[in-house]
């Protein structure tokens, strides 16, 4: 949840982030996907000794692809800078 933690820290330090509606929606989608991935990883670990353990791999992979598409695999600081530039 590196993006969520970074965005939270920046909001705490700087107050409201100055993003356009589109970029704010992007940020919220990133936060949501990280939450989904966190939940999937927890569910996978809860089924560690069962057959269901590996069924989570494809779900996790699909969500990670969505996250990579939204973030461009940029670091959180570079992503936030890009989002701010796109908001101008």
Protein backbone atom coordinates (compact mmCIF):
# COMPACT_ATOMS: atom_id res chain seq x y z
CA UNK A 1 0.00 0.00 0.00
CA UNK A 2 2.89 2.30 -0.82
CA UNK A 3 0.78 4.77 -2.80
CA UNK A 4 -1.95 4.96 -0.16
CA UNK A 5 0.59 5.58 2.61
CA UNK A 6 2.40 8.23 0.58
CA UNK A 7 -0.79 10.02 -0.47
CA UNK A 8 -1.98 9.98 3.15
CA UNK A 9 1.32 11.36 4.40
CA UNK A 10 1.34 14.14 1.80
CA UNK A 11 -2.26 15.06 2.61
CA UNK A 12 -1.41 15.17 6.31
CA UNK A 13 1.66 17.35 5.70
CA UNK A 14 0.33 19.66 2.97
CA UNK A 15 -3.42 19.55 3.43
CA UNK A 16 -5.77 19.04 0.51
CA UNK A 17 -3.98 17.95 -2.66
CA UNK A 18 -4.57 20.32 -5.58
CA UNK A 19 -5.73 17.82 -8.20
CA UNK A 20 -8.28 18.03 -10.98
CA UNK A 21 -11.41 15.93 -10.69
CA UNK A 22 -9.99 13.39 -13.14
CA UNK A 23 -6.70 13.06 -11.27
CA UNK A 24 -8.49 12.87 -7.92
CA UNK A 25 -10.58 9.99 -9.30
CA UNK A 26 -7.34 8.33 -10.45
CA UNK A 27 -5.89 8.74 -6.95
CA UNK A 28 -9.00 7.23 -5.38
CA UNK A 29 -8.92 4.30 -7.82
CA UNK A 30 -5.29 3.65 -6.87
CA UNK A 31 -6.16 3.73 -3.16
CA UNK A 32 -9.11 1.40 -3.79
CA UNK A 33 -7.02 -1.09 -5.78
CA UNK A 34 -4.36 -1.17 -3.08
CA UNK A 35 -7.09 -1.96 -0.55
CA UNK A 36 -8.43 -4.74 -2.77
CA UNK A 37 -4.92 -6.17 -3.15
CA UNK A 38 -4.37 -6.01 0.59
CA UNK A 39 -7.60 -7.94 1.16
CA UNK A 40 -6.74 -10.53 -1.49
CA UNK A 41 -3.31 -11.12 0.06
CA UNK A 42 -4.90 -11.55 3.50
CA UNK A 43 -7.47 -13.99 2.09
CA UNK A 44 -4.72 -15.91 0.34
CA UNK A 45 -2.73 -16.23 3.56
CA UNK A 46 -5.85 -17.32 5.45
CA UNK A 47 -6.12 -20.23 3.01
CA UNK A 48 -2.42 -21.07 3.12
CA UNK A 49 -2.92 -24.77 3.80
CA UNK A 50 -5.90 -25.26 1.50
CA UNK A 51 -6.47 -25.82 -2.21
CA UNK A 52 -7.89 -22.30 -2.54
CA UNK A 53 -4.47 -20.80 -1.79
CA UNK A 54 -3.38 -20.56 -5.43
CA UNK A 55 -6.73 -19.40 -6.81
CA UNK A 56 -5.94 -15.97 -5.42
CA UNK A 57 -2.84 -15.65 -7.60
CA UNK A 58 -4.79 -14.87 -10.78
CA UNK A 59 -7.05 -12.40 -8.94
CA UNK A 60 -4.03 -10.67 -7.44
CA UNK A 61 -2.31 -10.58 -10.84
CA UNK A 62 -5.33 -8.95 -12.51
CA UNK A 63 -5.59 -6.27 -9.82
CA UNK A 64 -1.84 -5.62 -9.98
CA UNK A 65 -2.15 -5.07 -13.73
CA UNK A 66 -4.90 -2.51 -13.15
CA UNK A 67 -2.74 -0.77 -10.55
CA UNK A 68 0.28 -0.73 -12.87
CA UNK A 69 -1.90 0.77 -15.61
CA UNK A 70 -3.02 3.58 -13.32
CA UNK A 71 0.41 4.28 -11.83
CA UNK A 72 2.69 3.55 -14.77
CA UNK A 73 4.87 1.81 -12.17
CA UNK A 74 6.12 5.23 -11.08
CA UNK A 75 7.27 5.79 -7.53
CA UNK A 76 4.63 7.48 -5.36
CA UNK A 77 6.42 10.85 -5.37
CA UNK A 78 6.85 10.91 -9.16
CA UNK A 79 3.28 9.77 -9.67
CA UNK A 80 1.90 12.56 -7.48
CA UNK A 81 4.04 15.11 -9.37
CA UNK A 82 2.71 13.78 -12.69
CA UNK A 83 -0.85 13.94 -11.39
CA UNK A 84 -0.33 17.54 -10.25
CA UNK A 85 1.10 18.48 -13.68
CA UNK A 86 -1.86 16.85 -15.43
CA UNK A 87 -4.15 18.91 -13.19
CA UNK A 88 -2.77 22.25 -14.40
